[in-house]
Amino acid sequence: MEVQTRIGRHRLDFAWKKEKVALEFDGEVKYFKYARTDRVIFEERRREKALVEDGWFFIRVEWKDLFQEQEFKARVLKALRR
């Protein structure tokens, strides 16, 4: 899903638009494969700050989190109830 902020449009990995909850997958490829790590981290932080200013809440997960189903479900439900 794409979201507009004061600094531009951003793609979220998965989102509940009405609740303004974003689920983002983090992994090594994201931070080390496509660009300099310091640049990736800077841009990621800048993007997240702009979205948080607009009321978005982030759930950050790694692939291993998806295999801990009860904990993962609890995290998502807690975020949706906030």
Protein backbone atom coordinates (compact mmCIF):
# COMPACT_ATOMS: atom_id res chain seq x y z
CA MET A 1 0.00 0.00 0.00
CA GLU A 2 1.23 3.51 -0.76
CA VAL A 3 0.87 6.40 1.68
CA GLN A 4 1.51 10.10 1.14
CA THR A 5 3.50 12.05 3.76
CA ARG A 6 5.04 15.52 3.90
CA ILE A 7 8.24 14.09 2.34
CA GLY A 8 6.63 12.03 -0.43
CA ARG A 9 4.89 8.74 -1.19
CA HIS A 10 5.97 5.60 0.61
CA ARG A 11 5.17 1.93 0.08
CA LEU A 12 4.30 -0.11 3.15
CA ASP A 13 4.79 -3.88 3.11
CA PHE A 14 1.33 -4.44 4.60
CA ALA A 15 -1.09 -2.06 6.30
CA TRP A 16 -4.43 -1.62 7.96
CA LYS A 17 -5.26 1.80 6.56
CA LYS A 18 -8.24 2.65 8.80
CA GLU A 19 -6.27 1.80 11.96
CA LYS A 20 -3.04 3.31 10.58
CA VAL A 21 -1.05 0.20 11.47
CA ALA A 22 1.84 -0.81 9.20
CA LEU A 23 3.50 -4.23 9.21
CA GLU A 24 7.05 -4.04 7.90
CA PHE A 25 9.38 -6.94 7.16
CA ASP A 26 13.01 -6.42 8.11
CA GLY A 27 15.88 -8.56 6.90
CA GLU A 28 19.53 -8.48 5.93
CA VAL A 29 18.81 -8.04 2.23
CA LYS A 30 16.96 -4.78 2.90
CA TYR A 31 19.93 -3.27 4.74
CA PHE A 32 22.95 -4.74 2.96
CA LYS A 33 22.17 -5.75 -0.62
CA TYR A 34 20.86 -2.79 -2.62
CA ALA A 35 22.61 0.30 -1.28
CA ARG A 36 25.09 1.47 1.33
CA THR A 37 23.82 0.42 4.75
CA ASP A 38 24.17 3.88 6.27
CA ARG A 39 22.07 5.37 3.45
CA VAL A 40 19.40 2.66 3.74
CA ILE A 41 19.12 3.18 7.50
CA PHE A 42 18.96 6.97 7.11
CA GLU A 43 16.19 6.79 4.48
CA GLU A 44 14.27 4.15 6.43
CA ARG A 45 14.36 6.28 9.60
CA ARG A 46 13.35 9.42 7.71
CA ARG A 47 10.41 7.61 6.11
CA GLU A 48 9.26 6.07 9.40
CA LYS A 49 9.43 9.42 11.23
CA ALA A 50 7.23 11.05 8.59
CA LEU A 51 4.68 8.24 8.81
CA VAL A 52 4.65 8.28 12.63
CA GLU A 53 4.03 12.05 12.52
CA ASP A 54 0.91 11.23 10.48
CA GLY A 55 -0.29 8.79 13.13
CA TRP A 56 1.01 5.49 11.80
CA PHE A 57 2.09 2.72 14.18
CA PHE A 58 4.68 0.15 13.07
CA ILE A 59 4.94 -3.56 13.72
CA ARG A 60 8.40 -4.69 12.59
CA VAL A 61 8.85 -8.39 11.93
CA GLU A 62 11.39 -10.82 10.59
CA TRP A 63 10.54 -14.11 8.86
CA LYS A 64 11.15 -16.04 12.09
CA ASP A 65 8.34 -14.08 13.76
CA LEU A 66 5.80 -15.59 11.38
CA PHE A 67 6.54 -19.05 12.78
CA GLN A 68 5.70 -17.96 16.33
CA GLU A 69 2.05 -17.72 15.44
CA GLN A 70 0.49 -16.94 18.82
CA GLU A 71 3.01 -14.23 19.66
CA PHE A 72 2.74 -12.74 16.17
CA LYS A 73 -1.07 -12.72 16.35
CA ALA A 74 -0.97 -11.09 19.81
CA ARG A 75 1.35 -8.33 18.54
CA VAL A 76 -0.93 -7.56 15.59
CA LEU A 77 -4.12 -7.57 17.65
CA LYS A 78 -2.54 -5.34 20.30
CA ALA A 79 -1.49 -2.85 17.63
CA LEU A 80 -4.94 -2.86 16.06
CA ARG A 81 -6.58 -2.17 19.45
CA ARG A 82 -4.34 0.75 20.38
